[in-house]
PDB file of N, CA and C in Angstrom:
ATOM      1  N   MET A   1       6.976 -67.528  24.074  1.00  0.00           N
ATOM      2  CA  MET A   1       7.862 -67.071  23.037  1.00  0.00           C
ATOM      3  C   MET A   1       9.288 -67.136  23.612  1.00  0.00           C
ATOM      4  N   ASN A   2      10.136 -67.792  22.856  1.00  0.00           N
ATOM      5  CA  ASN A   2      11.511 -67.916  23.345  1.00  0.00           C
ATOM      6  C   ASN A   2      12.359 -66.752  22.853  1.00  0.00           C
ATOM      7  N   ARG A   3      13.593 -66.810  23.172  1.00  0.00           N
ATOM      8  CA  ARG A   3      14.506 -65.699  22.902  1.00  0.00           C
ATOM      9  C   ARG A   3      14.685 -65.483  21.404  1.00  0.00           C
ATOM     10  N   THR A   4      14.798 -66.466  20.615  1.00  0.00           N
ATOM     11  CA  THR A   4      15.017 -66.356  19.178  1.00  0.00           C
ATOM     12  C   THR A   4      13.796 -65.728  18.503  1.00  0.00           C
ATOM     13  N   GLU A   5      12.606 -66.177  18.875  1.00  0.00           N
ATOM     14  CA  GLU A   5      11.394 -65.607  18.310  1.00  0.00           C
ATOM     15  C   GLU A   5      11.253 -64.127  18.677  1.00  0.00           C
ATOM     16  N   PHE A   6      11.637 -63.802  19.892  1.00  0.00           N
ATOM     17  CA  PHE A   6      11.574 -62.411  20.340  1.00  0.00           C
ATOM     18  C   PHE A   6      12.526 -61.542  19.519  1.00  0.00           C
ATOM     19  N   ILE A   7      13.718 -62.016  19.251  1.00  0.00           N
ATOM     20  CA  ILE A   7      14.708 -61.266  18.468  1.00  0.00           C
ATOM     21  C   ILE A   7      14.210 -61.096  17.033  1.00  0.00           C
ATOM     22  N   ILE A   8      13.651 -62.156  16.459  1.00  0.00           N
ATOM     23  CA  ILE A   8      13.145 -62.081  15.085  1.00  0.00           C
ATOM     24  C   ILE A   8      11.967 -61.098  15.014  1.00  0.00           C
ATOM     25  N   ALA A   9      11.051 -61.151  15.977  1.00  0.00           N
ATOM     26  CA  ALA A   9       9.906 -60.244  15.992  1.00  0.00           C
ATOM     27  C   ALA A   9      10.377 -58.795  16.146  1.00  0.00           C
ATOM     28  N   THR A  10      11.337 -58.556  17.024  1.00  0.00           N
ATOM     29  CA  THR A  10      11.877 -57.214  17.222  1.00  0.00           C
ATOM     30  C   THR A  10      12.553 -56.729  15.946  1.00  0.00           C
ATOM     31  N   ALA A  11      13.297 -57.585  15.260  1.00  0.00           N
ATOM     32  CA  ALA A  11      13.975 -57.216  14.015  1.00  0.00           C
ATOM     33  C   ALA A  11      12.959 -56.864  12.937  1.00  0.00           C
ATOM     34  N   ILE A  12      11.895 -57.637  12.853  1.00  0.00           N
ATOM     35  CA  ILE A  12      10.857 -57.353  11.852  1.00  0.00           C
ATOM     36  C   ILE A  12      10.184 -56.019  12.159  1.00  0.00           C
ATOM     37  N   ILE A  13       9.869 -55.763  13.411  1.00  0.00           N
ATOM     38  CA  ILE A  13       9.231 -54.495  13.812  1.00  0.00           C
ATOM     39  C   ILE A  13      10.152 -53.320  13.504  1.00  0.00           C
ATOM     40  N   LEU A  14      11.434 -53.452  13.813  1.00  0.00           N
ATOM     41  CA  LEU A  14      12.387 -52.376  13.536  1.00  0.00           C
ATOM     42  C   LEU A  14      12.535 -52.147  12.026  1.00  0.00           C
ATOM     43  N   PHE A  15      12.546 -53.242  11.247  1.00  0.00           N
ATOM     44  CA  PHE A  15      12.661 -53.119   9.801  1.00  0.00           C
ATOM     45  C   PHE A  15      11.431 -52.413   9.217  1.00  0.00           C
ATOM     46  N   VAL A  16      10.244 -52.799   9.700  1.00  0.00           N
ATOM     47  CA  VAL A  16       9.013 -52.147   9.246  1.00  0.00           C
ATOM     48  C   VAL A  16       9.032 -50.663   9.628  1.00  0.00           C
ATOM     49  N   ALA A  17       9.483 -50.315  10.821  1.00  0.00           N
ATOM     50  CA  ALA A  17       9.576 -48.919  11.253  1.00  0.00           C
ATOM     51  C   ALA A  17      10.558 -48.163  10.357  1.00  0.00           C
ATOM     52  N   PHE A  18      11.683 -48.809  10.010  1.00  0.00           N
ATOM     53  CA  PHE A  18      12.653 -48.196   9.108  1.00  0.00           C
ATOM     54  C   PHE A  18      12.014 -47.924   7.748  1.00  0.00           C
ATOM     55  N   LEU A  19      11.288 -48.906   7.207  1.00  0.00           N
ATOM     56  CA  LEU A  19      10.637 -48.736   5.910  1.00  0.00           C
ATOM     57  C   LEU A  19       9.593 -47.614   5.945  1.00  0.00           C
ATOM     58  N   LEU A  20       8.808 -47.561   7.029  1.00  0.00           N
ATOM     59  CA  LEU A  20       7.823 -46.488   7.158  1.00  0.00           C
ATOM     60  C   LEU A  20       8.495 -45.111   7.237  1.00  0.00           C
ATOM     61  N   GLY A  21       9.584 -45.010   7.963  1.00  0.00           N
ATOM     62  CA  GLY A  21      10.330 -43.754   8.069  1.00  0.00           C
ATOM     63  C   GLY A  21      10.913 -43.339   6.728  1.00  0.00           C
ATOM     64  N   TRP A  22      11.479 -44.316   6.015  1.00  0.00           N
ATOM     65  CA  TRP A  22      12.051 -44.020   4.705  1.00  0.00           C
ATOM     66  C   TRP A  22      10.962 -43.570   3.735  1.00  0.00           C
ATOM     67  N   PHE A  23       9.809 -44.254   3.758  1.00  0.00           N
ATOM     68  CA  PHE A  23       8.701 -43.898   2.887  1.00  0.00           C
ATOM     69  C   PHE A  23       8.178 -42.496   3.217  1.00  0.00           C
ATOM     70  N   ALA A  24       8.063 -42.179   4.498  1.00  0.00           N
ATOM     71  CA  ALA A  24       7.609 -40.845   4.909  1.00  0.00           C
ATOM     72  C   ALA A  24       8.606 -39.775   4.446  1.00  0.00           C
ATOM     73  N   HIS A  25       9.886 -40.053   4.579  1.00  0.00           N
ATOM     74  CA  HIS A  25      10.915 -39.112   4.129  1.00  0.00           C
ATOM     75  C   HIS A  25      10.825 -38.917   2.621  1.00  0.00           C
ATOM     76  N   TRP A  26      10.626 -39.994   1.881  1.00  0.00           N
ATOM     77  CA  TRP A  26      10.515 -39.921   0.425  1.00  0.00           C
ATOM     78  C   TRP A  26       9.298 -39.081   0.014  1.00  0.00           C
ATOM     79  N   LEU A  27       8.156 -39.301   0.716  1.00  0.00           N
ATOM     80  CA  LEU A  27       6.957 -38.519   0.411  1.00  0.00           C
ATOM     81  C   LEU A  27       7.177 -37.031   0.681  1.00  0.00           C
ATOM     82  N   ILE A  28       7.757 -36.735   1.812  1.00  0.00           N
ATOM     83  CA  ILE A  28       7.987 -35.330   2.173  1.00  0.00           C
ATOM     84  C   ILE A  28       8.932 -34.668   1.185  1.00  0.00           C
ATOM     85  N   SER A  29      10.017 -35.344   0.844  1.00  0.00           N
ATOM     86  CA  SER A  29      10.965 -34.757  -0.109  1.00  0.00           C
ATOM     87  C   SER A  29      10.346 -34.627  -1.491  1.00  0.00           C
ATOM     88  N   ARG A  30       9.447 -35.526  -1.830  1.00  0.00           N
ATOM     89  CA  ARG A  30       8.780 -35.478  -3.138  1.00  0.00           C
ATOM     90  C   ARG A  30       7.849 -34.261  -3.218  1.00  0.00           C
ATOM     91  N   PHE A  31       7.138 -33.975  -2.144  1.00  0.00           N
ATOM     92  CA  PHE A  31       6.196 -32.857  -2.154  1.00  0.00           C
ATOM     93  C   PHE A  31       6.872 -31.510  -1.940  1.00  0.00           C
ATOM     94  N   THR A  32       7.989 -31.485  -1.293  1.00  0.00           N
ATOM     95  CA  THR A  32       8.647 -30.210  -0.999  1.00  0.00           C
ATOM     96  C   THR A  32       9.793 -29.910  -1.951  1.00  0.00           C
ATOM     97  N   ARG A  33      10.029 -30.737  -2.913  1.00  0.00           N
ATOM     98  CA  ARG A  33      11.124 -30.519  -3.847  1.00  0.00           C
ATOM     99  C   ARG A  33      10.820 -29.313  -4.720  1.00  0.00           C
ATOM    100  N   VAL A  34      11.821 -28.475  -4.923  1.00  0.00           N
ATOM    101  CA  VAL A  34      11.672 -27.294  -5.760  1.00  0.00           C
ATOM    102  C   VAL A  34      12.602 -27.471  -6.953  1.00  0.00           C
ATOM    103  N   SER A  35      12.026 -27.390  -8.137  1.00  0.00           N
ATOM    104  CA  SER A  35      12.838 -27.582  -9.335  1.00  0.00           C
ATOM    105  C   SER A  35      13.585 -26.298  -9.678  1.00  0.00           C
ATOM    106  N   GLN A  36      14.551 -26.412 -10.572  1.00  0.00           N
ATOM    107  CA  GLN A  36      15.351 -25.263 -10.977  1.00  0.00           C
ATOM    108  C   GLN A  36      14.491 -24.234 -11.711  1.00  0.00           C
ATOM    109  N   SER A  37      13.533 -24.707 -12.509  1.00  0.00           N
ATOM    110  CA  SER A  37      12.660 -23.760 -13.211  1.00  0.00           C
ATOM    111  C   SER A  37      11.780 -23.004 -12.217  1.00  0.00           C
ATOM    112  N   ASP A  38      11.358 -23.694 -11.140  1.00  0.00           N
ATOM    113  CA  ASP A  38      10.583 -23.002 -10.108  1.00  0.00           C
ATOM    114  C   ASP A  38      11.426 -21.933  -9.427  1.00  0.00           C
ATOM    115  N   LEU A  39      12.701 -22.235  -9.192  1.00  0.00           N
ATOM    116  CA  LEU A  39      13.582 -21.239  -8.567  1.00  0.00           C
ATOM    117  C   LEU A  39      13.774 -20.039  -9.481  1.00  0.00           C
ATOM    118  N   SER A  40      13.932 -20.274 -10.785  1.00  0.00           N
ATOM    119  CA  SER A  40      14.094 -19.142 -11.695  1.00  0.00           C
ATOM    120  C   SER A  40      12.803 -18.327 -11.770  1.00  0.00           C
ATOM    121  N   ASP A  41      11.658 -19.023 -11.727  1.00  0.00           N
ATOM    122  CA  ASP A  41      10.380 -18.307 -11.698  1.00  0.00           C
ATOM    123  C   ASP A  41      10.251 -17.474 -10.422  1.00  0.00           C
ATOM    124  N   LEU A  42      10.673 -18.039  -9.298  1.00  0.00           N
ATOM    125  CA  LEU A  42      10.627 -17.297  -8.040  1.00  0.00           C
ATOM    126  C   LEU A  42      11.550 -16.086  -8.087  1.00  0.00           C
ATOM    127  N   ASP A  43      12.738 -16.245  -8.681  1.00  0.00           N
ATOM    128  CA  ASP A  43      13.656 -15.108  -8.812  1.00  0.00           C
ATOM    129  C   ASP A  43      13.045 -14.020  -9.689  1.00  0.00           C
ATOM    130  N   THR A  44      12.405 -14.421 -10.779  1.00  0.00           N
ATOM    131  CA  THR A  44      11.768 -13.454 -11.674  1.00  0.00           C
ATOM    132  C   THR A  44      10.641 -12.720 -10.960  1.00  0.00           C
ATOM    133  N   MET A  45       9.823 -13.471 -10.222  1.00  0.00           N
ATOM    134  CA  MET A  45       8.724 -12.841  -9.483  1.00  0.00           C
ATOM    135  C   MET A  45       9.253 -11.909  -8.405  1.00  0.00           C
ATOM    136  N   ALA A  46      10.338 -12.302  -7.729  1.00  0.00           N
ATOM    137  CA  ALA A  46      10.916 -11.446  -6.691  1.00  0.00           C
ATOM    138  C   ALA A  46      11.436 -10.149  -7.306  1.00  0.00           C
ATOM    139  N   GLN A  47      12.090 -10.251  -8.464  1.00  0.00           N
ATOM    140  CA  GLN A  47      12.593  -9.053  -9.143  1.00  0.00           C
ATOM    141  C   GLN A  47      11.437  -8.159  -9.578  1.00  0.00           C
ATOM    142  N   SER A  48      10.388  -8.757 -10.112  1.00  0.00           N
ATOM    143  CA  SER A  48       9.218  -7.976 -10.527  1.00  0.00           C
ATOM    144  C   SER A  48       8.568  -7.297  -9.331  1.00  0.00           C
ATOM    145  N   LEU A  49       8.471  -8.016  -8.229  1.00  0.00           N
ATOM    146  CA  LEU A  49       7.904  -7.431  -7.009  1.00  0.00           C
ATOM    147  C   LEU A  49       8.743  -6.261  -6.529  1.00  0.00           C
ATOM    148  N   HIS A  50      10.051  -6.421  -6.574  1.00  0.00           N
ATOM    149  CA  HIS A  50      10.945  -5.342  -6.146  1.00  0.00           C
ATOM    150  C   HIS A  50      10.761  -4.108  -7.031  1.00  0.00           C
ATOM    151  N   GLU A  51      10.681  -4.307  -8.338  1.00  0.00           N
ATOM    152  CA  GLU A  51      10.480  -3.188  -9.255  1.00  0.00           C
ATOM    153  C   GLU A  51       9.117  -2.531  -9.026  1.00  0.00           C
ATOM    154  N   ALA A  52       8.095  -3.350  -8.784  1.00  0.00           N
ATOM    155  CA  ALA A  52       6.763  -2.803  -8.523  1.00  0.00           C
ATOM    156  C   ALA A  52       6.753  -1.980  -7.235  1.00  0.00           C
ATOM    157  N   GLU A  53       7.467  -2.439  -6.216  1.00  0.00           N
ATOM    158  CA  GLU A  53       7.538  -1.681  -4.966  1.00  0.00           C
ATOM    159  C   GLU A  53       8.249  -0.352  -5.178  1.00  0.00           C
ATOM    160  N   GLU A  54       9.308  -0.352  -5.991  1.00  0.00           N
ATOM    161  CA  GLU A  54      10.007   0.904  -6.276  1.00  0.00           C
ATOM    162  C   GLU A  54       9.094   1.868  -7.025  1.00  0.00           C
ATOM    163  N   GLN A  55       8.351   1.354  -8.002  1.00  0.00           N
ATOM    164  CA  GLN A  55       7.421   2.207  -8.739  1.00  0.00           C
ATOM    165  C   GLN A  55       6.331   2.748  -7.826  1.00  0.00           C
ATOM    166  N   ARG A  56       5.847   1.910  -6.907  1.00  0.00           N
ATOM    167  CA  ARG A  56       4.829   2.364  -5.953  1.00  0.00           C
ATOM    168  C   ARG A  56       5.382   3.469  -5.067  1.00  0.00           C
ATOM    169  N   ASP A  57       6.636   3.291  -4.594  1.00  0.00           N
ATOM    170  CA  ASP A  57       7.241   4.322  -3.754  1.00  0.00           C
ATOM    171  C   ASP A  57       7.404   5.629  -4.518  1.00  0.00           C
ATOM    172  N   GLN A  58       7.817   5.533  -5.788  1.00  0.00           N
ATOM    173  CA  GLN A  58       7.954   6.742  -6.598  1.00  0.00           C
ATOM    174  C   GLN A  58       6.598   7.410  -6.808  1.00  0.00           C
ATOM    175  N   ALA A  59       5.583   6.609  -7.055  1.00  0.00           N
ATOM    176  CA  ALA A  59       4.234   7.161  -7.240  1.00  0.00           C
ATOM    177  C   ALA A  59       3.748   7.820  -5.958  1.00  0.00           C
ATOM    178  N   MET A  60       4.008   7.195  -4.820  1.00  0.00           N
ATOM    179  CA  MET A  60       3.580   7.780  -3.548  1.00  0.00           C
ATOM    180  C   MET A  60       4.296   9.115  -3.299  1.00  0.00           C
ATOM    181  N   ASN A  61       5.584   9.174  -3.604  1.00  0.00           N
ATOM    182  CA  ASN A  61       6.311  10.433  -3.440  1.00  0.00           C
ATOM    183  C   ASN A  61       5.755  11.508  -4.368  1.00  0.00           C
ATOM    184  N   TYR A  62       5.448  11.132  -5.603  1.00  0.00           N
ATOM    185  CA  TYR A  62       4.869  12.088  -6.553  1.00  0.00           C
ATOM    186  C   TYR A  62       3.521  12.599  -6.044  1.00  0.00           C
ATOM    187  N   VAL A  63       2.707  11.679  -5.537  1.00  0.00           N
ATOM    188  CA  VAL A  63       1.389  12.070  -5.026  1.00  0.00           C
ATOM    189  C   VAL A  63       1.542  13.011  -3.841  1.00  0.00           C
ATOM    190  N   ARG A  64       2.484  12.720  -2.960  1.00  0.00           N
ATOM    191  CA  ARG A  64       2.700  13.605  -1.801  1.00  0.00           C
ATOM    192  C   ARG A  64       3.123  14.998  -2.253  1.00  0.00           C
ATOM    193  N   GLU A  65       4.045  15.041  -3.236  1.00  0.00           N
ATOM    194  CA  GLU A  65       4.499  16.339  -3.728  1.00  0.00           C
ATOM    195  C   GLU A  65       3.348  17.113  -4.368  1.00  0.00           C
ATOM    196  N   ARG A  66       2.578  16.429  -5.200  1.00  0.00           N
ATOM    197  CA  ARG A  66       1.437  17.085  -5.857  1.00  0.00           C
ATOM    198  C   ARG A  66       0.404  17.534  -4.829  1.00  0.00           C
ATOM    199  N   GLU A  67       0.183  16.718  -3.816  1.00  0.00           N
ATOM    200  CA  GLU A  67      -0.771  17.079  -2.774  1.00  0.00           C
ATOM    201  C   GLU A  67      -0.307  18.331  -2.038  1.00  0.00           C
ATOM    202  N   GLY A  68       0.997  18.404  -1.759  1.00  0.00           N
ATOM    203  CA  GLY A  68       1.545  19.604  -1.117  1.00  0.00           C
ATOM    204  C   GLY A  68       1.386  20.828  -1.988  1.00  0.00           C
ATOM    205  N   GLU A  69       1.683  20.676  -3.287  1.00  0.00           N
ATOM    206  CA  GLU A  69       1.534  21.794  -4.212  1.00  0.00           C
ATOM    207  C   GLU A  69       0.075  22.236  -4.303  1.00  0.00           C
ATOM    208  N   MET A  70      -0.808  21.272  -4.406  1.00  0.00           N
ATOM    209  CA  MET A  70      -2.235  21.595  -4.522  1.00  0.00           C
ATOM    210  C   MET A  70      -2.753  22.235  -3.231  1.00  0.00           C
ATOM    211  N   SER A  71      -2.265  21.780  -2.101  1.00  0.00           N
ATOM    212  CA  SER A  71      -2.681  22.363  -0.827  1.00  0.00           C
ATOM    213  C   SER A  71      -2.216  23.814  -0.738  1.00  0.00           C
ATOM    214  N   THR A  72      -0.975  24.052  -1.159  1.00  0.00           N
ATOM    215  CA  THR A  72      -0.458  25.423  -1.152  1.00  0.00           C
ATOM    216  C   THR A  72      -1.264  26.301  -2.105  1.00  0.00           C
ATOM    217  N   GLN A  73      -1.540  25.772  -3.286  1.00  0.00           N
ATOM    218  CA  GLN A  73      -2.322  26.530  -4.257  1.00  0.00           C
ATOM    219  C   GLN A  73      -3.732  26.806  -3.734  1.00  0.00           C
ATOM    220  N   LEU A  74      -4.323  25.831  -3.056  1.00  0.00           N
ATOM    221  CA  LEU A  74      -5.659  26.026  -2.485  1.00  0.00           C
ATOM    222  C   LEU A  74      -5.634  27.110  -1.419  1.00  0.00           C
ATOM    223  N   LYS A  75      -4.623  27.106  -0.581  1.00  0.00           N
ATOM    224  CA  LYS A  75      -4.526  28.133   0.456  1.00  0.00           C
ATOM    225  C   LYS A  75      -4.368  29.518  -0.165  1.00  0.00           C
ATOM    226  N   GLN A  76      -3.539  29.605  -1.224  1.00  0.00           N
ATOM    227  CA  GLN A  76      -3.374  30.894  -1.895  1.00  0.00           C
ATOM    228  C   GLN A  76      -4.682  31.351  -2.530  1.00  0.00           C
ATOM    229  N   THR A  77      -5.390  30.420  -3.149  1.00  0.00           N
ATOM    230  CA  THR A  77      -6.667  30.762  -3.781  1.00  0.00           C
ATOM    231  C   THR A  77      -7.686  31.206  -2.744  1.00  0.00           C
ATOM    232  N   GLU A  78      -7.713  30.516  -1.603  1.00  0.00           N
ATOM    233  CA  GLU A  78      -8.628  30.911  -0.533  1.00  0.00           C
ATOM    234  C   GLU A  78      -8.280  32.297  -0.004  1.00  0.00           C
ATOM    235  N   ALA A  79      -6.982  32.596   0.109  1.00  0.00           N
ATOM    236  CA  ALA A  79      -6.576  33.927   0.575  1.00  0.00           C
ATOM    237  C   ALA A  79      -6.983  34.995  -0.436  1.00  0.00           C
ATOM    238  N   GLU A  80      -6.793  34.692  -1.730  1.00  0.00           N
ATOM    239  CA  GLU A  80      -7.213  35.631  -2.762  1.00  0.00           C
ATOM    240  C   GLU A  80      -8.732  35.832  -2.740  1.00  0.00           C
ATOM    241  N   LEU A  81      -9.472  34.744  -2.552  1.00  0.00           N
ATOM    242  CA  LEU A  81     -10.936  34.833  -2.473  1.00  0.00           C
ATOM    243  C   LEU A  81     -11.357  35.685  -1.284  1.00  0.00           C
ATOM    244  N   THR A  82     -10.721  35.487  -0.160  1.00  0.00           N
ATOM    245  CA  THR A  82     -11.055  36.277   1.028  1.00  0.00           C
ATOM    246  C   THR A  82     -10.776  37.759   0.778  1.00  0.00           C
ATOM    247  N   ALA A  83      -9.618  38.022   0.136  1.00  0.00           N
ATOM    248  CA  ALA A  83      -9.292  39.427  -0.164  1.00  0.00           C
ATOM    249  C   ALA A  83     -10.297  40.009  -1.151  1.00  0.00           C
ATOM    250  N   ALA A  84     -10.684  39.231  -2.166  1.00  0.00           N
ATOM    251  CA  ALA A  84     -11.651  39.719  -3.155  1.00  0.00           C
ATOM    252  C   ALA A  84     -13.014  39.964  -2.501  1.00  0.00           C
ATOM    253  N   MET A  85     -13.427  39.068  -1.618  1.00  0.00           N
ATOM    254  CA  MET A  85     -14.711  39.233  -0.928  1.00  0.00           C
ATOM    255  C   MET A  85     -14.674  40.469  -0.033  1.00  0.00           C
ATOM    256  N   GLU A  86     -13.556  40.702   0.622  1.00  0.00           N
ATOM    257  CA  GLU A  86     -13.418  41.888   1.464  1.00  0.00           C
ATOM    258  C   GLU A  86     -13.481  43.153   0.613  1.00  0.00           C
ATOM    259  N   GLY A  87     -12.796  43.132  -0.542  1.00  0.00           N
ATOM    260  CA  GLY A  87     -12.838  44.281  -1.456  1.00  0.00           C
ATOM    261  C   GLY A  87     -14.240  44.514  -1.976  1.00  0.00           C
ATOM    262  N   LEU A  88     -14.953  43.440  -2.293  1.00  0.00           N
ATOM    263  CA  LEU A  88     -16.328  43.558  -2.768  1.00  0.00           C
ATOM    264  C   LEU A  88     -17.229  44.140  -1.677  1.00  0.00           C
ATOM    265  N   ARG A  89     -17.033  43.698  -0.452  1.00  0.00           N
ATOM    266  CA  ARG A  89     -17.817  44.229   0.659  1.00  0.00           C
ATOM    267  C   ARG A  89     -17.559  45.721   0.831  1.00  0.00           C
ATOM    268  N   VAL A  90     -16.291  46.108   0.763  1.00  0.00           N
ATOM    269  CA  VAL A  90     -15.947  47.524   0.900  1.00  0.00           C
ATOM    270  C   VAL A  90     -16.540  48.321  -0.259  1.00  0.00           C
ATOM    271  N   SER A  91     -16.468  47.784  -1.477  1.00  0.00           N
ATOM    272  CA  SER A  91     -17.031  48.482  -2.651  1.00  0.00           C
ATOM    273  C   SER A  91     -18.531  48.641  -2.517  1.00  0.00           C
ATOM    274  N   ARG A  92     -19.216  47.609  -2.064  1.00  0.00           N
ATOM    275  CA  ARG A  92     -20.664  47.713  -1.863  1.00  0.00           C
ATOM    276  C   ARG A  92     -21.000  48.775  -0.820  1.00  0.00           C
ATOM    277  N   GLN A  93     -20.221  48.777   0.222  1.00  0.00           N
ATOM    278  CA  GLN A  93     -20.460  49.761   1.283  1.00  0.00           C
ATOM    279  C   GLN A  93     -20.251  51.178   0.747  1.00  0.00           C
ATOM    280  N   GLU A  94     -19.195  51.374  -0.033  1.00  0.00           N
ATOM    281  CA  GLU A  94     -18.943  52.690  -0.629  1.00  0.00           C
ATOM    282  C   GLU A  94     -20.061  53.063  -1.604  1.00  0.00           C
ATOM    283  N   ALA A  95     -20.521  52.075  -2.381  1.00  0.00           N
ATOM    284  CA  ALA A  95     -21.612  52.344  -3.327  1.00  0.00           C
ATOM    285  C   ALA A  95     -22.869  52.754  -2.573  1.00  0.00           C
ATOM    286  N   GLU A  96     -23.182  52.117  -1.479  1.00  0.00           N
ATOM    287  CA  GLU A  96     -24.346  52.480  -0.662  1.00  0.00           C
ATOM    288  C   GLU A  96     -24.190  53.886  -0.097  1.00  0.00           C
ATOM    289  N   GLU A  97     -22.993  54.197   0.353  1.00  0.00           N
ATOM    290  CA  GLU A  97     -22.748  55.539   0.885  1.00  0.00           C
ATOM    291  C   GLU A  97     -22.918  56.592  -0.202  1.00  0.00           C
ATOM    292  N   LEU A  98     -22.406  56.279  -1.432  1.00  0.00           N
ATOM    293  CA  LEU A  98     -22.551  57.225  -2.545  1.00  0.00           C
ATOM    294  C   LEU A  98     -24.017  57.387  -2.940  1.00  0.00           C
ATOM    295  N   ARG A  99     -24.777  56.284  -2.974  1.00  0.00           N
ATOM    296  CA  ARG A  99     -26.206  56.378  -3.285  1.00  0.00           C
ATOM    297  C   ARG A  99     -26.925  57.248  -2.252  1.00  0.00           C
ATOM    298  N   ALA A 100     -26.597  56.974  -0.987  1.00  0.00           N
ATOM    299  CA  ALA A 100     -27.227  57.772   0.073  1.00  0.00           C
ATOM    300  C   ALA A 100     -26.853  59.246  -0.062  1.00  0.00           C
ATOM    301  N   TYR A 101     -25.625  59.521  -0.403  1.00  0.00           N
ATOM    302  CA  TYR A 101     -25.182  60.916  -0.583  1.00  0.00           C
ATOM    303  C   TYR A 101     -25.882  61.561  -1.770  1.00  0.00           C
ATOM    304  N   ILE A 102     -25.959  60.804  -2.887  1.00  0.00           N
ATOM    305  CA  ILE A 102     -26.605  61.344  -4.084  1.00  0.00           C
ATOM    306  C   ILE A 102     -28.091  61.593  -3.813  1.00  0.00           C
ATOM    307  N   GLU A 103     -28.761  60.657  -3.152  1.00  0.00           N
ATOM    308  CA  GLU A 103     -30.188  60.845  -2.833  1.00  0.00           C
ATOM    309  C   GLU A 103     -30.372  62.049  -1.899  1.00  0.00           C
ATOM    310  N   LYS A 104     -29.444  62.206  -0.967  1.00  0.00           N
ATOM    311  CA  LYS A 104     -29.530  63.309  -0.030  1.00  0.00           C
ATOM    312  C   LYS A 104     -29.319  64.642  -0.744  1.00  0.00           C
ATOM    313  N   GLU A 105     -28.365  64.686  -1.674  1.00  0.00           N
ATOM    314  CA  GLU A 105     -28.074  65.915  -2.408  1.00  0.00           C
ATOM    315  C   GLU A 105     -29.202  66.253  -3.406  1.00  0.00           C
ATOM    316  N   SER A 106     -29.747  65.214  -4.031  1.00  0.00           N
ATOM    317  CA  SER A 106     -30.799  65.485  -5.028  1.00  0.00           C
ATOM    318  C   SER A 106     -32.106  65.826  -4.322  1.00  0.00           C
ATOM    319  N   ALA A 107     -32.314  65.355  -3.100  1.00  0.00           N
ATOM    320  CA  ALA A 107     -33.532  65.665  -2.369  1.00  0.00           C
ATOM    321  C   ALA A 107     -33.408  67.057  -1.723  1.00  0.00           C
ATOM    322  N   GLY A 108     -32.278  67.494  -1.412  1.00  0.00           N
ATOM    323  CA  GLY A 108     -32.133  68.730  -0.661  1.00  0.00           C
ATOM    324  C   GLY A 108     -31.573  69.833  -1.426  1.00  0.00           C
TER     325      GLY A 108
END
């Protein structure tokens, strides 16, 4: 192969490489292109997501507040129950003492 044939072969190889590169670039840009309607849809979805996150945060805060209120109410109810049970125990004990006293007085 002489010098001219070598130059022509190299030029053809470089041209083919250029065409392959251009075709690859065209394919990539074709698949990754984002249209204006897609961008507006993405903006709408982003706004909706942001609003949904705000609503979720508000709901979580409400749940935390309600949970705190319910926990406080449960503790108060448990304290009242304990006091009522203690009063009932004392009343039963007094009733037993009165029965024993009445039986003792009526027997003697």
